[in-house]
Amino acid sequence: MIDLPFDPIQLMREHPEKMRVPGGLLTKRGPQDYVGSVPAITGTLFFKDAHLPEVREAVCACFDVPEDELMAYKARLLDEPKLTKTTTLPDRL
């Protein structure tokens, strides 16, 4: 990866409006006053044996957890000094 004199992620957080690409940017008329696109960073999770119904049901159950419970779990994770490979999710999550 290239070493940059700035942190691109921090810049994106501080100036999200700068990420917007004007509509019509590459047309003869030039940039228009509407958002044509916004670059995004996405992620994909892969699960072992995801083709099995019981695994799919377990993954879906993760999304049924109330938000306050997820935020409490996140707070506990952030309080841990160092996460290791042995860190596991509680049964509910």
PDB file of N, CA and C in Angstrom:
ATOM      1  N   MET A   1       0.844  -1.178   0.000  1.00  0.00           N
ATOM      2  CA  MET A   1       0.000   0.000   0.000  1.00  0.00           C
ATOM      3  C   MET A   1       0.886   1.238   0.000  1.00  0.00           C
ATOM      4  N   ILE A   2       0.398   2.304  -0.548  1.00  0.00           N
ATOM      5  CA  ILE A   2       1.163   3.547  -0.649  1.00  0.00           C
ATOM      6  C   ILE A   2       1.103   4.299   0.678  1.00  0.00           C
ATOM      7  N   ASP A   3       2.255   4.794   1.132  1.00  0.00           N
ATOM      8  CA  ASP A   3       2.282   5.628   2.328  1.00  0.00           C
ATOM      9  C   ASP A   3       1.872   7.041   1.945  1.00  0.00           C
ATOM     10  N   LEU A   4       0.831   7.539   2.567  1.00  0.00           N
ATOM     11  CA  LEU A   4       0.334   8.878   2.272  1.00  0.00           C
ATOM     12  C   LEU A   4       0.649   9.813   3.430  1.00  0.00           C
ATOM     13  N   PRO A   5       0.816  11.111   3.146  1.00  0.00           N
ATOM     14  CA  PRO A   5       1.098  12.065   4.224  1.00  0.00           C
ATOM     15  C   PRO A   5      -0.162  12.455   5.007  1.00  0.00           C
ATOM     16  N   PHE A   6      -1.282  11.789   4.726  1.00  0.00           N
ATOM     17  CA  PHE A   6      -2.549  12.065   5.405  1.00  0.00           C
ATOM     18  C   PHE A   6      -3.308  10.758   5.563  1.00  0.00           C
ATOM     19  N   ASP A   7      -4.309  10.777   6.404  1.00  0.00           N
ATOM     20  CA  ASP A   7      -5.127   9.592   6.643  1.00  0.00           C
ATOM     21  C   ASP A   7      -6.415   9.727   5.820  1.00  0.00           C
ATOM     22  N   PRO A   8      -6.561   8.971   4.719  1.00  0.00           N
ATOM     23  CA  PRO A   8      -7.745   9.129   3.869  1.00  0.00           C
ATOM     24  C   PRO A   8      -9.044   8.815   4.602  1.00  0.00           C
ATOM     25  N   ILE A   9      -9.031   7.863   5.520  1.00  0.00           N
ATOM     26  CA  ILE A   9     -10.257   7.520   6.248  1.00  0.00           C
ATOM     27  C   ILE A   9     -10.678   8.679   7.135  1.00  0.00           C
ATOM     28  N   GLN A  10      -9.715   9.312   7.791  1.00  0.00           N
ATOM     29  CA  GLN A  10     -10.038  10.463   8.637  1.00  0.00           C
ATOM     30  C   GLN A  10     -10.601  11.609   7.789  1.00  0.00           C
ATOM     31  N   LEU A  11     -10.027  11.830   6.618  1.00  0.00           N
ATOM     32  CA  LEU A  11     -10.541  12.872   5.722  1.00  0.00           C
ATOM     33  C   LEU A  11     -11.972  12.577   5.289  1.00  0.00           C
ATOM     34  N   MET A  12     -12.272  11.306   4.990  1.00  0.00           N
ATOM     35  CA  MET A  12     -13.631  10.941   4.584  1.00  0.00           C
ATOM     36  C   MET A  12     -14.615  11.171   5.729  1.00  0.00           C
ATOM     37  N   ARG A  13     -14.169  10.878   6.953  1.00  0.00           N
ATOM     38  CA  ARG A  13     -15.046  11.097   8.105  1.00  0.00           C
ATOM     39  C   ARG A  13     -15.295  12.580   8.341  1.00  0.00           C
ATOM     40  N   GLU A  14     -14.273  13.392   8.183  1.00  0.00           N
ATOM     41  CA  GLU A  14     -14.393  14.824   8.460  1.00  0.00           C
ATOM     42  C   GLU A  14     -15.101  15.588   7.339  1.00  0.00           C
ATOM     43  N   HIS A  15     -15.019  15.100   6.111  1.00  0.00           N
ATOM     44  CA  HIS A  15     -15.590  15.818   4.963  1.00  0.00           C
ATOM     45  C   HIS A  15     -16.374  14.881   4.048  1.00  0.00           C
ATOM     46  N   PRO A  16     -17.472  14.265   4.541  1.00  0.00           N
ATOM     47  CA  PRO A  16     -18.217  13.321   3.703  1.00  0.00           C
ATOM     48  C   PRO A  16     -18.809  13.966   2.452  1.00  0.00           C
ATOM     49  N   GLU A  17     -19.103  15.261   2.525  1.00  0.00           N
ATOM     50  CA  GLU A  17     -19.684  15.940   1.364  1.00  0.00           C
ATOM     51  C   GLU A  17     -18.706  16.012   0.192  1.00  0.00           C
ATOM     52  N   LYS A  18     -17.424  15.921   0.462  1.00  0.00           N
ATOM     53  CA  LYS A  18     -16.415  15.956  -0.598  1.00  0.00           C
ATOM     54  C   LYS A  18     -16.366  14.652  -1.387  1.00  0.00           C
ATOM     55  N   MET A  19     -17.014  13.609  -0.863  1.00  0.00           N
ATOM     56  CA  MET A  19     -17.027  12.318  -1.541  1.00  0.00           C
ATOM     57  C   MET A  19     -18.070  12.269  -2.665  1.00  0.00           C
ATOM     58  N   ARG A  20     -18.955  13.229  -2.687  1.00  0.00           N
ATOM     59  CA  ARG A  20     -20.022  13.224  -3.697  1.00  0.00           C
ATOM     60  C   ARG A  20     -19.472  13.604  -5.067  1.00  0.00           C
ATOM     61  N   VAL A  21     -19.850  12.834  -6.061  1.00  0.00           N
ATOM     62  CA  VAL A  21     -19.451  13.118  -7.438  1.00  0.00           C
ATOM     63  C   VAL A  21     -20.663  13.747  -8.128  1.00  0.00           C
ATOM     64  N   PRO A  22     -20.515  14.972  -8.677  1.00  0.00           N
ATOM     65  CA  PRO A  22     -21.666  15.625  -9.304  1.00  0.00           C
ATOM     66  C   PRO A  22     -22.203  14.835 -10.490  1.00  0.00           C
ATOM     67  N   GLY A  23     -23.508  14.896 -10.677  1.00  0.00           N
ATOM     68  CA  GLY A  23     -24.130  14.253 -11.823  1.00  0.00           C
ATOM     69  C   GLY A  23     -23.677  14.916 -13.111  1.00  0.00           C
ATOM     70  N   GLY A  24     -23.575  14.147 -14.169  1.00  0.00           N
ATOM     71  CA  GLY A  24     -23.204  14.691 -15.475  1.00  0.00           C
ATOM     72  C   GLY A  24     -21.756  15.137 -15.567  1.00  0.00           C
ATOM     73  N   LEU A  25     -20.927  14.715 -14.663  1.00  0.00           N
ATOM     74  CA  LEU A  25     -19.534  15.174 -14.614  1.00  0.00           C
ATOM     75  C   LEU A  25     -18.790  14.906 -15.923  1.00  0.00           C
ATOM     76  N   LEU A  26     -19.048  13.773 -16.537  1.00  0.00           N
ATOM     77  CA  LEU A  26     -18.306  13.407 -17.745  1.00  0.00           C
ATOM     78  C   LEU A  26     -19.094  13.652 -19.031  1.00  0.00           C
ATOM     79  N   THR A  27     -20.164  14.412 -18.960  1.00  0.00           N
ATOM     80  CA  THR A  27     -20.946  14.718 -20.164  1.00  0.00           C
ATOM     81  C   THR A  27     -20.484  16.039 -20.776  1.00  0.00           C
ATOM     82  N   LYS A  28     -20.967  16.338 -21.977  1.00  0.00           N
ATOM     83  CA  LYS A  28     -20.602  17.583 -22.648  1.00  0.00           C
ATOM     84  C   LYS A  28     -21.053  18.802 -21.855  1.00  0.00           C
ATOM     85  N   ARG A  29     -22.209  18.679 -21.186  1.00  0.00           N
ATOM     86  CA  ARG A  29     -22.723  19.816 -20.407  1.00  0.00           C
ATOM     87  C   ARG A  29     -21.936  20.048 -19.127  1.00  0.00           C
ATOM     88  N   GLY A  30     -21.189  19.051 -18.683  1.00  0.00           N
ATOM     89  CA  GLY A  30     -20.381  19.213 -17.482  1.00  0.00           C
ATOM     90  C   GLY A  30     -21.165  18.912 -16.215  1.00  0.00           C
ATOM     91  N   PRO A  31     -20.565  19.196 -15.067  1.00  0.00           N
ATOM     92  CA  PRO A  31     -21.189  18.866 -13.784  1.00  0.00           C
ATOM     93  C   PRO A  31     -22.552  19.542 -13.619  1.00  0.00           C
ATOM     94  N   GLN A  32     -23.498  18.790 -13.069  1.00  0.00           N
ATOM     95  CA  GLN A  32     -24.846  19.299 -12.810  1.00  0.00           C
ATOM     96  C   GLN A  32     -25.066  19.362 -11.297  1.00  0.00           C
ATOM     97  N   ASP A  33     -26.120  20.047 -10.899  1.00  0.00           N
ATOM     98  CA  ASP A  33     -26.387  20.273  -9.484  1.00  0.00           C
ATOM     99  C   ASP A  33     -27.196  19.122  -8.870  1.00  0.00           C
ATOM    100  N   TYR A  34     -26.687  17.927  -8.955  1.00  0.00           N
ATOM    101  CA  TYR A  34     -27.262  16.773  -8.269  1.00  0.00           C
ATOM    102  C   TYR A  34     -26.155  15.752  -8.045  1.00  0.00           C
ATOM    103  N   VAL A  35     -26.341  14.899  -7.074  1.00  0.00           N
ATOM    104  CA  VAL A  35     -25.322  13.898  -6.759  1.00  0.00           C
ATOM    105  C   VAL A  35     -25.433  12.754  -7.761  1.00  0.00           C
ATOM    106  N   GLY A  36     -24.370  12.524  -8.498  1.00  0.00           N
ATOM    107  CA  GLY A  36     -24.355  11.446  -9.469  1.00  0.00           C
ATOM    108  C   GLY A  36     -23.956  10.125  -8.849  1.00  0.00           C
ATOM    109  N   SER A  37     -23.023  10.184  -7.902  1.00  0.00           N
ATOM    110  CA  SER A  37     -22.605   8.968  -7.196  1.00  0.00           C
ATOM    111  C   SER A  37     -21.857   9.362  -5.924  1.00  0.00           C
ATOM    112  N   VAL A  38     -21.762   8.397  -5.048  1.00  0.00           N
ATOM    113  CA  VAL A  38     -20.993   8.557  -3.820  1.00  0.00           C
ATOM    114  C   VAL A  38     -20.195   7.272  -3.636  1.00  0.00           C
ATOM    115  N   PRO A  39     -18.871   7.359  -3.683  1.00  0.00           N
ATOM    116  CA  PRO A  39     -18.077   6.148  -3.455  1.00  0.00           C
ATOM    117  C   PRO A  39     -18.358   5.582  -2.065  1.00  0.00           C
ATOM    118  N   ALA A  40     -18.346   4.283  -1.957  1.00  0.00           N
ATOM    119  CA  ALA A  40     -18.623   3.632  -0.673  1.00  0.00           C
ATOM    120  C   ALA A  40     -17.673   2.466  -0.462  1.00  0.00           C
ATOM    121  N   ILE A  41     -17.411   2.200   0.787  1.00  0.00           N
ATOM    122  CA  ILE A  41     -16.610   1.038   1.156  1.00  0.00           C
ATOM    123  C   ILE A  41     -17.578  -0.010   1.684  1.00  0.00           C
ATOM    124  N   THR A  42     -17.545  -1.184   1.107  1.00  0.00           N
ATOM    125  CA  THR A  42     -18.447  -2.243   1.551  1.00  0.00           C
ATOM    126  C   THR A  42     -17.630  -3.444   2.008  1.00  0.00           C
ATOM    127  N   GLY A  43     -18.280  -4.287   2.736  1.00  0.00           N
ATOM    128  CA  GLY A  43     -17.616  -5.497   3.200  1.00  0.00           C
ATOM    129  C   GLY A  43     -18.537  -6.688   3.019  1.00  0.00           C
ATOM    130  N   THR A  44     -17.951  -7.835   2.925  1.00  0.00           N
ATOM    131  CA  THR A  44     -18.720  -9.067   2.786  1.00  0.00           C
ATOM    132  C   THR A  44     -18.261 -10.040   3.858  1.00  0.00           C
ATOM    133  N   LEU A  45     -19.218 -10.641   4.517  1.00  0.00           N
ATOM    134  CA  LEU A  45     -18.903 -11.655   5.517  1.00  0.00           C
ATOM    135  C   LEU A  45     -19.122 -13.026   4.900  1.00  0.00           C
ATOM    136  N   PHE A  46     -18.191 -13.916   5.145  1.00  0.00           N
ATOM    137  CA  PHE A  46     -18.313 -15.282   4.672  1.00  0.00           C
ATOM    138  C   PHE A  46     -18.425 -16.204   5.881  1.00  0.00           C
ATOM    139  N   PHE A  47     -19.312 -17.143   5.821  1.00  0.00           N
ATOM    140  CA  PHE A  47     -19.527 -18.070   6.912  1.00  0.00           C
ATOM    141  C   PHE A  47     -19.283 -19.489   6.419  1.00  0.00           C
ATOM    142  N   LYS A  48     -18.579 -20.245   7.236  1.00  0.00           N
ATOM    143  CA  LYS A  48     -18.336 -21.646   6.903  1.00  0.00           C
ATOM    144  C   LYS A  48     -19.676 -22.374   6.853  1.00  0.00           C
ATOM    145  N   ASP A  49     -19.869 -23.179   5.851  1.00  0.00           N
ATOM    146  CA  ASP A  49     -21.094 -23.961   5.651  1.00  0.00           C
ATOM    147  C   ASP A  49     -22.344 -23.084   5.531  1.00  0.00           C
ATOM    148  N   ALA A  50     -22.204 -21.915   4.916  1.00  0.00           N
ATOM    149  CA  ALA A  50     -23.327 -20.983   4.789  1.00  0.00           C
ATOM    150  C   ALA A  50     -24.463 -21.539   3.933  1.00  0.00           C
ATOM    151  N   HIS A  51     -24.220 -22.601   3.220  1.00  0.00           N
ATOM    152  CA  HIS A  51     -25.269 -23.210   2.398  1.00  0.00           C
ATOM    153  C   HIS A  51     -26.239 -24.044   3.232  1.00  0.00           C
ATOM    154  N   LEU A  52     -25.865 -24.315   4.471  1.00  0.00           N
ATOM    155  CA  LEU A  52     -26.719 -25.141   5.327  1.00  0.00           C
ATOM    156  C   LEU A  52     -27.810 -24.296   5.993  1.00  0.00           C
ATOM    157  N   PRO A  53     -29.049 -24.803   6.025  1.00  0.00           N
ATOM    158  CA  PRO A  53     -30.152 -24.035   6.610  1.00  0.00           C
ATOM    159  C   PRO A  53     -29.907 -23.607   8.054  1.00  0.00           C
ATOM    160  N   GLU A  54     -29.295 -24.464   8.877  1.00  0.00           N
ATOM    161  CA  GLU A  54     -29.082 -24.105  10.282  1.00  0.00           C
ATOM    162  C   GLU A  54     -28.084 -22.953  10.435  1.00  0.00           C
ATOM    163  N   VAL A  55     -27.094 -22.898   9.544  1.00  0.00           N
ATOM    164  CA  VAL A  55     -26.135 -21.788   9.582  1.00  0.00           C
ATOM    165  C   VAL A  55     -26.820 -20.505   9.147  1.00  0.00           C
ATOM    166  N   ARG A  56     -27.608 -20.573   8.103  1.00  0.00           N
ATOM    167  CA  ARG A  56     -28.335 -19.385   7.646  1.00  0.00           C
ATOM    168  C   ARG A  56     -29.277 -18.864   8.721  1.00  0.00           C
ATOM    169  N   GLU A  57     -29.952 -19.770   9.417  1.00  0.00           N
ATOM    170  CA  GLU A  57     -30.853 -19.358  10.489  1.00  0.00           C
ATOM    171  C   GLU A  57     -30.076 -18.695  11.625  1.00  0.00           C
ATOM    172  N   ALA A  58     -28.908 -19.216  11.946  1.00  0.00           N
ATOM    173  CA  ALA A  58     -28.083 -18.621  13.005  1.00  0.00           C
ATOM    174  C   ALA A  58     -27.613 -17.220  12.621  1.00  0.00           C
ATOM    175  N   VAL A  59     -27.231 -17.032  11.353  1.00  0.00           N
ATOM    176  CA  VAL A  59     -26.819 -15.710  10.887  1.00  0.00           C
ATOM    177  C   VAL A  59     -27.998 -14.746  10.948  1.00  0.00           C
ATOM    178  N   CYS A  60     -29.154 -15.176  10.504  1.00  0.00           N
ATOM    179  CA  CYS A  60     -30.348 -14.324  10.549  1.00  0.00           C
ATOM    180  C   CYS A  60     -30.708 -13.952  11.987  1.00  0.00           C
ATOM    181  N   ALA A  61     -30.478 -14.866  12.910  1.00  0.00           N
ATOM    182  CA  ALA A  61     -30.793 -14.583  14.318  1.00  0.00           C
ATOM    183  C   ALA A  61     -29.940 -13.432  14.842  1.00  0.00           C
ATOM    184  N   CYS A  62     -28.748 -13.253  14.299  1.00  0.00           N
ATOM    185  CA  CYS A  62     -27.889 -12.145  14.731  1.00  0.00           C
ATOM    186  C   CYS A  62     -28.541 -10.797  14.446  1.00  0.00           C
ATOM    187  N   PHE A  63     -29.325 -10.727  13.394  1.00  0.00           N
ATOM    188  CA  PHE A  63     -29.942  -9.465  13.019  1.00  0.00           C
ATOM    189  C   PHE A  63     -31.226  -9.199  13.795  1.00  0.00           C
ATOM    190  N   ASP A  64     -31.660 -10.164  14.583  1.00  0.00           N
ATOM    191  CA  ASP A  64     -32.859  -9.995  15.388  1.00  0.00           C
ATOM    192  C   ASP A  64     -32.552  -9.473  16.787  1.00  0.00           C
ATOM    193  N   VAL A  65     -31.287  -9.181  17.073  1.00  0.00           N
ATOM    194  CA  VAL A  65     -30.889  -8.695  18.390  1.00  0.00           C
ATOM    195  C   VAL A  65     -31.248  -7.216  18.499  1.00  0.00           C
ATOM    196  N   PRO A  66     -31.876  -6.795  19.606  1.00  0.00           N
ATOM    197  CA  PRO A  66     -32.217  -5.376  19.782  1.00  0.00           C
ATOM    198  C   PRO A  66     -30.968  -4.489  19.754  1.00  0.00           C
ATOM    199  N   GLU A  67     -31.128  -3.286  19.248  1.00  0.00           N
ATOM    200  CA  GLU A  67     -29.990  -2.382  19.073  1.00  0.00           C
ATOM    201  C   GLU A  67     -29.286  -2.074  20.398  1.00  0.00           C
ATOM    202  N   ASP A  68     -30.025  -1.896  21.477  1.00  0.00           N
ATOM    203  CA  ASP A  68     -29.386  -1.569  22.750  1.00  0.00           C
ATOM    204  C   ASP A  68     -28.492  -2.718  23.234  1.00  0.00           C
ATOM    205  N   GLU A  69     -28.884  -3.944  22.935  1.00  0.00           N
ATOM    206  CA  GLU A  69     -28.067  -5.099  23.303  1.00  0.00           C
ATOM    207  C   GLU A  69     -26.786  -5.136  22.469  1.00  0.00           C
ATOM    208  N   LEU A  70     -26.897  -4.808  21.179  1.00  0.00           N
ATOM    209  CA  LEU A  70     -25.714  -4.760  20.321  1.00  0.00           C
ATOM    210  C   LEU A  70     -24.754  -3.663  20.768  1.00  0.00           C
ATOM    211  N   MET A  71     -25.293  -2.498  21.135  1.00  0.00           N
ATOM    212  CA  MET A  71     -24.443  -1.389  21.545  1.00  0.00           C
ATOM    213  C   MET A  71     -23.720  -1.715  22.854  1.00  0.00           C
ATOM    214  N   ALA A  72     -24.391  -2.414  23.769  1.00  0.00           N
ATOM    215  CA  ALA A  72     -23.749  -2.819  25.023  1.00  0.00           C
ATOM    216  C   ALA A  72     -22.615  -3.803  24.729  1.00  0.00           C
ATOM    217  N   TYR A  73     -22.843  -4.727  23.802  1.00  0.00           N
ATOM    218  CA  TYR A  73     -21.803  -5.688  23.426  1.00  0.00           C
ATOM    219  C   TYR A  73     -20.619  -4.958  22.775  1.00  0.00           C
ATOM    220  N   LYS A  74     -20.932  -3.998  21.909  1.00  0.00           N
ATOM    221  CA  LYS A  74     -19.876  -3.220  21.254  1.00  0.00           C
ATOM    222  C   LYS A  74     -19.054  -2.466  22.297  1.00  0.00           C
ATOM    223  N   ALA A  75     -19.708  -1.891  23.285  1.00  0.00           N
ATOM    224  CA  ALA A  75     -19.002  -1.167  24.340  1.00  0.00           C
ATOM    225  C   ALA A  75     -18.058  -2.096  25.103  1.00  0.00           C
ATOM    226  N   ARG A  76     -18.517  -3.317  25.372  1.00  0.00           N
ATOM    227  CA  ARG A  76     -17.656  -4.273  26.068  1.00  0.00           C
ATOM    228  C   ARG A  76     -16.437  -4.617  25.206  1.00  0.00           C
ATOM    229  N   LEU A  77     -16.638  -4.777  23.905  1.00  0.00           N
ATOM    230  CA  LEU A  77     -15.516  -5.086  23.015  1.00  0.00           C
ATOM    231  C   LEU A  77     -14.489  -3.957  23.008  1.00  0.00           C
ATOM    232  N   LEU A  78     -14.988  -2.721  22.969  1.00  0.00           N
ATOM    233  CA  LEU A  78     -14.082  -1.579  22.931  1.00  0.00           C
ATOM    234  C   LEU A  78     -13.341  -1.399  24.244  1.00  0.00           C
ATOM    235  N   ASP A  79     -13.905  -1.893  25.338  1.00  0.00           N
ATOM    236  CA  ASP A  79     -13.258  -1.787  26.637  1.00  0.00           C
ATOM    237  C   ASP A  79     -12.163  -2.825  26.829  1.00  0.00           C
ATOM    238  N   GLU A  80     -12.201  -3.908  26.039  1.00  0.00           N
ATOM    239  CA  GLU A  80     -11.176  -4.936  26.168  1.00  0.00           C
ATOM    240  C   GLU A  80      -9.846  -4.383  25.690  1.00  0.00           C
ATOM    241  N   PRO A  81      -8.756  -4.660  26.435  1.00  0.00           N
ATOM    242  CA  PRO A  81      -7.461  -4.096  26.043  1.00  0.00           C
ATOM    243  C   PRO A  81      -6.961  -4.606  24.687  1.00  0.00           C
ATOM    244  N   LYS A  82      -7.196  -5.863  24.402  1.00  0.00           N
ATOM    245  CA  LYS A  82      -6.731  -6.406  23.122  1.00  0.00           C
ATOM    246  C   LYS A  82      -7.598  -7.607  22.768  1.00  0.00           C
ATOM    247  N   LEU A  83      -8.147  -7.584  21.582  1.00  0.00           N
ATOM    248  CA  LEU A  83      -8.938  -8.723  21.123  1.00  0.00           C
ATOM    249  C   LEU A  83      -7.999  -9.782  20.564  1.00  0.00           C
ATOM    250  N   THR A  84      -8.331 -11.019  20.812  1.00  0.00           N
ATOM    251  CA  THR A  84      -7.517 -12.116  20.296  1.00  0.00           C
ATOM    252  C   THR A  84      -8.410 -13.040  19.488  1.00  0.00           C
ATOM    253  N   LYS A  85      -7.798 -13.993  18.844  1.00  0.00           N
ATOM    254  CA  LYS A  85      -8.572 -14.952  18.064  1.00  0.00           C
ATOM    255  C   LYS A  85      -9.479 -15.789  18.947  1.00  0.00           C
ATOM    256  N   THR A  86      -9.171 -15.846  20.238  1.00  0.00           N
ATOM    257  CA  THR A  86      -9.990 -16.651  21.127  1.00  0.00           C
ATOM    258  C   THR A  86     -11.230 -15.897  21.632  1.00  0.00           C
ATOM    259  N   THR A  87     -11.316 -14.600  21.309  1.00  0.00           N
ATOM    260  CA  THR A  87     -12.503 -13.833  21.701  1.00  0.00           C
ATOM    261  C   THR A  87     -13.701 -14.391  20.953  1.00  0.00           C
ATOM    262  N   THR A  88     -14.757 -14.688  21.677  1.00  0.00           N
ATOM    263  CA  THR A  88     -15.937 -15.264  21.041  1.00  0.00           C
ATOM    264  C   THR A  88     -17.157 -14.426  21.334  1.00  0.00           C
ATOM    265  N   LEU A  89     -18.151 -14.560  20.489  1.00  0.00           N
ATOM    266  CA  LEU A  89     -19.414 -13.877  20.695  1.00  0.00           C
ATOM    267  C   LEU A  89     -20.204 -14.591  21.785  1.00  0.00           C
ATOM    268  N   PRO A  90     -20.963 -13.852  22.587  1.00  0.00           N
ATOM    269  CA  PRO A  90     -21.819 -14.527  23.558  1.00  0.00           C
ATOM    270  C   PRO A  90     -22.891 -15.327  22.829  1.00  0.00           C
ATOM    271  N   ASP A  91     -23.525 -16.253  23.530  1.00  0.00           N
ATOM    272  CA  ASP A  91     -24.532 -17.107  22.915  1.00  0.00           C
ATOM    273  C   ASP A  91     -25.632 -16.306  22.236  1.00  0.00           C
ATOM    274  N   ARG A  92     -26.020 -15.184  22.816  1.00  0.00           N
ATOM    275  CA  ARG A  92     -27.132 -14.390  22.276  1.00  0.00           C
ATOM    276  C   ARG A  92     -26.766 -13.713  20.966  1.00  0.00           C
ATOM    277  N   LEU A  93     -25.485 -13.444  20.758  1.00  0.00           N
ATOM    278  CA  LEU A  93     -25.086 -12.705  19.553  1.00  0.00           C
ATOM    279  C   LEU A  93     -24.506 -13.630  18.541  1.00  0.00           C
TER     280      LEU A  93
END
